[in-house]
């Protein structure tokens, strides 16, 4: 029977601050870490980022344990990183990291129910909330911007109207736009809005 290492990870988003965070916890070791992921990151992205953070850690890759258990309360994230096809660069990077880890260890992805008193998961959830409360250091967005976020963005609604004459836009049409152009438009619109408020302040 090989040694096993149990890893908890979680993602969180605070509605009061409109910010997201991720947390990882390595049971039996003095490793616990939180990550501030900013305002543009969804809970799903935070969950995937946490799995990626675990898979890429040197302590996990180089440890004596032969079996690695990565526990998550997000079925969506676990299914996504195991899927052979994805349009998300973050999910692809996470899947690649898990494959690389699996070259050296036996990797087990385990779903655990959230908020049910599972010690490692509860600790990871606490760390994720701490990450969401922290100030994000560095330019945003920290991760790729999701179509879900763009669909709720007022500036993107104006972009859709400018290009297509309507704010209603199918996902297929959205994916035909270059993400860099979309983000540039949104940032310019936000700067314009801030300038207008200051001018009339």
C-alpha atoms as a PDB file:
ATOM      1  CA  UNK A   1       0.000   0.000   0.000  1.00  0.00           C
ATOM      2  CA  UNK A   2       1.570   3.260  -1.110  1.00  0.00           C
ATOM      3  CA  UNK A   3       1.607   6.415   0.902  1.00  0.00           C
ATOM      4  CA  UNK A   4      -1.223   8.803   0.172  1.00  0.00           C
ATOM      5  CA  UNK A   5      -1.376  12.586   0.295  1.00  0.00           C
ATOM      6  CA  UNK A   6      -4.781  14.223   0.745  1.00  0.00           C
ATOM      7  CA  UNK A   7      -5.137  17.690  -0.736  1.00  0.00           C
ATOM      8  CA  UNK A   8      -8.056  20.042  -0.222  1.00  0.00           C
ATOM      9  CA  UNK A   9      -8.717  22.945  -2.531  1.00  0.00           C
ATOM     10  CA  UNK A  10     -11.530  25.403  -3.040  1.00  0.00           C
ATOM     11  CA  UNK A  11     -12.646  28.560  -4.793  1.00  0.00           C
ATOM     12  CA  UNK A  12     -14.808  31.352  -3.448  1.00  0.00           C
ATOM     13  CA  UNK A  13     -16.432  34.610  -4.504  1.00  0.00           C
ATOM     14  CA  UNK A  14     -17.643  37.330  -2.139  1.00  0.00           C
ATOM     15  CA  UNK A  15     -20.760  39.138  -3.295  1.00  0.00           C
ATOM     16  CA  UNK A  16     -20.082  41.992  -0.879  1.00  0.00           C
ATOM     17  CA  UNK A  17     -16.703  42.715  -2.490  1.00  0.00           C
ATOM     18  CA  UNK A  18     -17.323  41.280  -5.970  1.00  0.00           C
ATOM     19  CA  UNK A  19     -14.000  39.479  -5.747  1.00  0.00           C
ATOM     20  CA  UNK A  20     -12.827  35.880  -5.950  1.00  0.00           C
ATOM     21  CA  UNK A  21     -10.212  33.774  -4.245  1.00  0.00           C
ATOM     22  CA  UNK A  22      -8.831  30.253  -4.113  1.00  0.00           C
ATOM     23  CA  UNK A  23      -7.299  28.193  -1.347  1.00  0.00           C
ATOM     24  CA  UNK A  24      -5.300  24.971  -1.052  1.00  0.00           C
ATOM     25  CA  UNK A  25      -4.570  22.814   1.982  1.00  0.00           C
ATOM     26  CA  UNK A  26      -2.181  19.845   2.151  1.00  0.00           C
ATOM     27  CA  UNK A  27      -3.299  17.579   4.965  1.00  0.00           C
ATOM     28  CA  UNK A  28      -0.537  16.437   7.284  1.00  0.00           C
ATOM     29  CA  UNK A  29       1.831  19.170   6.124  1.00  0.00           C
ATOM     30  CA  UNK A  30       2.340  22.795   6.977  1.00  0.00           C
ATOM     31  CA  UNK A  31       1.102  23.885   3.559  1.00  0.00           C
ATOM     32  CA  UNK A  32      -1.938  26.131   3.297  1.00  0.00           C
ATOM     33  CA  UNK A  33      -2.213  29.011   0.893  1.00  0.00           C
ATOM     34  CA  UNK A  34      -4.790  31.492  -0.320  1.00  0.00           C
ATOM     35  CA  UNK A  35      -4.856  33.328  -3.651  1.00  0.00           C
ATOM     36  CA  UNK A  36      -6.545  36.641  -4.484  1.00  0.00           C
ATOM     37  CA  UNK A  37      -8.004  36.324  -7.990  1.00  0.00           C
ATOM     38  CA  UNK A  38      -9.684  39.703  -8.418  1.00  0.00           C
ATOM     39  CA  UNK A  39     -13.066  40.894  -9.614  1.00  0.00           C
ATOM     40  CA  UNK A  40     -13.296  39.199 -13.005  1.00  0.00           C
ATOM     41  CA  UNK A  41     -12.770  35.588 -11.902  1.00  0.00           C
ATOM     42  CA  UNK A  42     -15.800  33.291 -11.575  1.00  0.00           C
ATOM     43  CA  UNK A  43     -16.217  30.659  -8.861  1.00  0.00           C
ATOM     44  CA  UNK A  44     -15.695  27.934 -11.474  1.00  0.00           C
ATOM     45  CA  UNK A  45     -12.411  29.508 -12.579  1.00  0.00           C
ATOM     46  CA  UNK A  46     -11.296  29.836  -8.959  1.00  0.00           C
ATOM     47  CA  UNK A  47     -12.023  26.130  -8.413  1.00  0.00           C
ATOM     48  CA  UNK A  48     -10.006  25.135 -11.490  1.00  0.00           C
ATOM     49  CA  UNK A  49      -7.175  27.484 -10.502  1.00  0.00           C
ATOM     50  CA  UNK A  50      -7.003  25.815  -7.077  1.00  0.00           C
ATOM     51  CA  UNK A  51      -6.660  22.368  -8.666  1.00  0.00           C
ATOM     52  CA  UNK A  52      -3.939  23.754 -10.939  1.00  0.00           C
ATOM     53  CA  UNK A  53      -2.127  25.262  -7.951  1.00  0.00           C
ATOM     54  CA  UNK A  54      -2.119  21.868  -6.227  1.00  0.00           C
ATOM     55  CA  UNK A  55      -1.007  19.911  -9.295  1.00  0.00           C
ATOM     56  CA  UNK A  56       1.904  22.257  -9.906  1.00  0.00           C
ATOM     57  CA  UNK A  57       3.348  22.344  -6.401  1.00  0.00           C
ATOM     58  CA  UNK A  58       6.844  20.940  -5.925  1.00  0.00           C
ATOM     59  CA  UNK A  59       5.832  19.414  -2.567  1.00  0.00           C
ATOM     60  CA  UNK A  60       3.220  17.329  -4.359  1.00  0.00           C
ATOM     61  CA  UNK A  61       5.334  16.409  -7.360  1.00  0.00           C
ATOM     62  CA  UNK A  62       8.494  15.545  -5.405  1.00  0.00           C
ATOM     63  CA  UNK A  63       6.995  14.108  -2.223  1.00  0.00           C
ATOM     64  CA  UNK A  64       7.349  10.489  -1.114  1.00  0.00           C
ATOM     65  CA  UNK A  65       3.640   9.786  -1.511  1.00  0.00           C
ATOM     66  CA  UNK A  66       2.724   7.491  -4.382  1.00  0.00           C
ATOM     67  CA  UNK A  67      -0.991   8.306  -4.428  1.00  0.00           C
ATOM     68  CA  UNK A  68      -2.271  11.873  -4.587  1.00  0.00           C
ATOM     69  CA  UNK A  69      -5.888  12.560  -3.627  1.00  0.00           C
ATOM     70  CA  UNK A  70      -7.121  15.965  -4.797  1.00  0.00           C
ATOM     71  CA  UNK A  71     -10.452  16.722  -3.130  1.00  0.00           C
ATOM     72  CA  UNK A  72     -12.920  19.272  -4.478  1.00  0.00           C
ATOM     73  CA  UNK A  73     -16.550  20.126  -3.809  1.00  0.00           C
ATOM     74  CA  UNK A  74     -17.002  21.358  -7.397  1.00  0.00           C
ATOM     75  CA  UNK A  75     -18.279  18.613  -9.691  1.00  0.00           C
ATOM     76  CA  UNK A  76     -18.176  21.052 -12.613  1.00  0.00           C
ATOM     77  CA  UNK A  77     -14.464  21.758 -12.142  1.00  0.00           C
ATOM     78  CA  UNK A  78     -13.590  18.069 -11.738  1.00  0.00           C
ATOM     79  CA  UNK A  79     -15.509  17.111 -14.875  1.00  0.00           C
ATOM     80  CA  UNK A  80     -13.987  19.978 -16.853  1.00  0.00           C
ATOM     81  CA  UNK A  81     -10.353  19.146 -16.071  1.00  0.00           C
ATOM     82  CA  UNK A  82     -10.968  15.495 -16.999  1.00  0.00           C
ATOM     83  CA  UNK A  83     -12.634  16.315 -20.309  1.00  0.00           C
ATOM     84  CA  UNK A  84     -10.548  15.672 -23.456  1.00  0.00           C
ATOM     85  CA  UNK A  85     -11.968  18.811 -25.082  1.00  0.00           C
ATOM     86  CA  UNK A  86     -12.169  22.345 -23.762  1.00  0.00           C
ATOM     87  CA  UNK A  87     -12.220  25.903 -25.067  1.00  0.00           C
ATOM     88  CA  UNK A  88     -10.757  27.274 -21.846  1.00  0.00           C
ATOM     89  CA  UNK A  89      -7.015  27.892 -21.675  1.00  0.00           C
ATOM     90  CA  UNK A  90      -7.166  27.660 -17.873  1.00  0.00           C
ATOM     91  CA  UNK A  91      -8.907  24.270 -17.941  1.00  0.00           C
ATOM     92  CA  UNK A  92      -6.435  23.055 -20.578  1.00  0.00           C
ATOM     93  CA  UNK A  93      -3.464  24.167 -18.463  1.00  0.00           C
ATOM     94  CA  UNK A  94      -4.916  22.431 -15.421  1.00  0.00           C
ATOM     95  CA  UNK A  95      -5.553  19.220 -17.368  1.00  0.00           C
ATOM     96  CA  UNK A  96      -1.999  19.286 -18.697  1.00  0.00           C
ATOM     97  CA  UNK A  97      -0.611  19.792 -15.174  1.00  0.00           C
ATOM     98  CA  UNK A  98      -2.622  16.826 -13.893  1.00  0.00           C
ATOM     99  CA  UNK A  99      -1.388  14.668 -16.761  1.00  0.00           C
ATOM    100  CA  UNK A 100       2.207  15.628 -15.982  1.00  0.00           C
ATOM    101  CA  UNK A 101       1.695  14.835 -12.303  1.00  0.00           C
ATOM    102  CA  UNK A 102       0.152  11.485 -13.272  1.00  0.00           C
ATOM    103  CA  UNK A 103       3.406  10.545 -15.021  1.00  0.00           C
ATOM    104  CA  UNK A 104       5.043  10.306 -11.598  1.00  0.00           C
ATOM    105  CA  UNK A 105       2.161   9.668  -9.178  1.00  0.00           C
ATOM    106  CA  UNK A 106      -1.206   7.977  -9.041  1.00  0.00           C
ATOM    107  CA  UNK A 107      -3.646  10.897  -9.108  1.00  0.00           C
ATOM    108  CA  UNK A 108      -7.173  10.559  -7.739  1.00  0.00           C
ATOM    109  CA  UNK A 109      -9.676  13.376  -8.167  1.00  0.00           C
ATOM    110  CA  UNK A 110     -12.282  13.067  -5.428  1.00  0.00           C
ATOM    111  CA  UNK A 111     -15.581  14.918  -5.103  1.00  0.00           C
ATOM    112  CA  UNK A 112     -16.565  15.793  -1.535  1.00  0.00           C
ATOM    113  CA  UNK A 113     -19.811  17.553  -0.560  1.00  0.00           C
ATOM    114  CA  UNK A 114     -19.293  21.174   0.398  1.00  0.00           C
ATOM    115  CA  UNK A 115     -20.113  22.569   3.841  1.00  0.00           C
ATOM    116  CA  UNK A 116     -20.571  19.093   5.310  1.00  0.00           C
ATOM    117  CA  UNK A 117     -17.773  19.231   7.846  1.00  0.00           C
ATOM    118  CA  UNK A 118     -15.079  17.494   5.773  1.00  0.00           C
ATOM    119  CA  UNK A 119     -11.976  18.883   7.581  1.00  0.00           C
ATOM    120  CA  UNK A 120      -9.629  19.389   4.630  1.00  0.00           C
ATOM    121  CA  UNK A 121     -12.349  20.870   2.437  1.00  0.00           C
ATOM    122  CA  UNK A 122     -13.561  23.190   5.193  1.00  0.00           C
ATOM    123  CA  UNK A 123      -9.996  24.450   5.681  1.00  0.00           C
ATOM    124  CA  UNK A 124      -9.566  25.006   1.937  1.00  0.00           C
ATOM    125  CA  UNK A 125     -12.906  26.843   1.849  1.00  0.00           C
ATOM    126  CA  UNK A 126     -11.748  29.123   4.660  1.00  0.00           C
ATOM    127  CA  UNK A 127      -8.511  29.843   2.782  1.00  0.00           C
ATOM    128  CA  UNK A 128     -10.470  30.600  -0.399  1.00  0.00           C
ATOM    129  CA  UNK A 129     -12.614  33.129   1.463  1.00  0.00           C
ATOM    130  CA  UNK A 130      -9.465  34.748   2.841  1.00  0.00           C
ATOM    131  CA  UNK A 131      -8.137  34.992  -0.709  1.00  0.00           C
ATOM    132  CA  UNK A 132     -11.351  36.657  -1.853  1.00  0.00           C
ATOM    133  CA  UNK A 133     -10.994  39.221   0.943  1.00  0.00           C
ATOM    134  CA  UNK A 134      -7.424  40.088  -0.056  1.00  0.00           C
ATOM    135  CA  UNK A 135      -6.512  42.815  -2.518  1.00  0.00           C
ATOM    136  CA  UNK A 136      -5.522  41.461  -5.895  1.00  0.00           C
ATOM    137  CA  UNK A 137      -1.923  42.396  -6.765  1.00  0.00           C
ATOM    138  CA  UNK A 138      -1.212  42.891 -10.448  1.00  0.00           C
ATOM    139  CA  UNK A 139      -3.278  43.853 -13.479  1.00  0.00           C
ATOM    140  CA  UNK A 140      -6.748  42.420 -13.952  1.00  0.00           C
ATOM    141  CA  UNK A 141      -8.198  40.221 -15.190  1.00  0.00           C
ATOM    142  CA  UNK A 142      -5.959  37.728 -13.387  1.00  0.00           C
ATOM    143  CA  UNK A 143      -7.344  34.858 -15.466  1.00  0.00           C
ATOM    144  CA  UNK A 144      -9.064  34.586 -18.824  1.00  0.00           C
ATOM    145  CA  UNK A 145     -12.358  36.472 -18.902  1.00  0.00           C
ATOM    146  CA  UNK A 146     -15.366  34.170 -19.155  1.00  0.00           C
ATOM    147  CA  UNK A 147     -18.272  34.681 -21.540  1.00  0.00           C
ATOM    148  CA  UNK A 148     -20.557  34.562 -18.492  1.00  0.00           C
ATOM    149  CA  UNK A 149     -18.849  37.646 -17.073  1.00  0.00           C
ATOM    150  CA  UNK A 150     -18.879  39.445 -20.414  1.00  0.00           C
ATOM    151  CA  UNK A 151     -22.589  38.764 -20.784  1.00  0.00           C
ATOM    152  CA  UNK A 152     -23.201  40.707 -17.557  1.00  0.00           C
ATOM    153  CA  UNK A 153     -20.834  43.562 -18.397  1.00  0.00           C
ATOM    154  CA  UNK A 154     -22.491  46.878 -19.294  1.00  0.00           C
ATOM    155  CA  UNK A 155     -19.542  47.983 -21.427  1.00  0.00           C
ATOM    156  CA  UNK A 156     -19.686  44.736 -23.397  1.00  0.00           C
ATOM    157  CA  UNK A 157     -23.376  45.344 -23.977  1.00  0.00           C
ATOM    158  CA  UNK A 158     -22.436  48.629 -25.655  1.00  0.00           C
ATOM    159  CA  UNK A 159     -19.832  46.798 -27.733  1.00  0.00           C
ATOM    160  CA  UNK A 160     -22.406  44.261 -28.883  1.00  0.00           C
ATOM    161  CA  UNK A 161     -24.743  47.074 -29.841  1.00  0.00           C
ATOM    162  CA  UNK A 162     -22.013  48.911 -31.775  1.00  0.00           C
ATOM    163  CA  UNK A 163     -20.978  45.838 -33.762  1.00  0.00           C
ATOM    164  CA  UNK A 164     -24.196  43.882 -34.187  1.00  0.00           C
ATOM    165  CA  UNK A 165     -26.893  46.494 -33.594  1.00  0.00           C
ATOM    166  CA  UNK A 166     -28.274  44.568 -30.646  1.00  0.00           C
ATOM    167  CA  UNK A 167     -27.197  43.716 -27.131  1.00  0.00           C
ATOM    168  CA  UNK A 168     -28.553  40.191 -27.616  1.00  0.00           C
ATOM    169  CA  UNK A 169     -25.688  38.054 -28.869  1.00  0.00           C
ATOM    170  CA  UNK A 170     -25.374  34.310 -29.238  1.00  0.00           C
ATOM    171  CA  UNK A 171     -22.385  32.518 -27.722  1.00  0.00           C
ATOM    172  CA  UNK A 172     -21.224  31.533 -31.216  1.00  0.00           C
ATOM    173  CA  UNK A 173     -21.159  35.193 -32.245  1.00  0.00           C
ATOM    174  CA  UNK A 174     -19.338  36.165 -29.068  1.00  0.00           C
ATOM    175  CA  UNK A 175     -16.639  33.578 -29.686  1.00  0.00           C
ATOM    176  CA  UNK A 176     -15.966  35.078 -33.124  1.00  0.00           C
ATOM    177  CA  UNK A 177     -14.710  38.278 -31.480  1.00  0.00           C
ATOM    178  CA  UNK A 178     -11.078  38.574 -30.432  1.00  0.00           C
ATOM    179  CA  UNK A 179     -10.897  38.621 -26.628  1.00  0.00           C
ATOM    180  CA  UNK A 180      -8.150  41.250 -26.703  1.00  0.00           C
ATOM    181  CA  UNK A 181     -10.412  43.602 -28.682  1.00  0.00           C
ATOM    182  CA  UNK A 182     -13.286  42.986 -26.283  1.00  0.00           C
ATOM    183  CA  UNK A 183     -11.185  43.755 -23.199  1.00  0.00           C
ATOM    184  CA  UNK A 184      -9.690  46.859 -24.821  1.00  0.00           C
ATOM    185  CA  UNK A 185     -13.184  48.175 -25.537  1.00  0.00           C
ATOM    186  CA  UNK A 186     -14.341  47.440 -21.985  1.00  0.00           C
ATOM    187  CA  UNK A 187     -11.334  49.173 -20.389  1.00  0.00           C
ATOM    188  CA  UNK A 188     -11.753  52.237 -22.611  1.00  0.00           C
ATOM    189  CA  UNK A 189     -15.454  52.377 -21.790  1.00  0.00           C
ATOM    190  CA  UNK A 190     -14.767  52.118 -18.061  1.00  0.00           C
ATOM    191  CA  UNK A 191     -12.164  54.908 -18.261  1.00  0.00           C
ATOM    192  CA  UNK A 192     -14.651  57.036 -20.203  1.00  0.00           C
ATOM    193  CA  UNK A 193     -17.347  56.431 -17.587  1.00  0.00           C
ATOM    194  CA  UNK A 194     -14.947  57.351 -14.760  1.00  0.00           C
ATOM    195  CA  UNK A 195     -13.877  60.507 -16.593  1.00  0.00           C
ATOM    196  CA  UNK A 196     -17.474  61.522 -17.174  1.00  0.00           C
ATOM    197  CA  UNK A 197     -18.356  61.038 -13.504  1.00  0.00           C
ATOM    198  CA  UNK A 198     -15.346  63.108 -12.404  1.00  0.00           C
ATOM    199  CA  UNK A 199     -16.228  65.864 -14.878  1.00  0.00           C
ATOM    200  CA  UNK A 200     -19.753  66.072 -13.500  1.00  0.00           C
ATOM    201  CA  UNK A 201     -18.705  65.483  -9.900  1.00  0.00           C
END
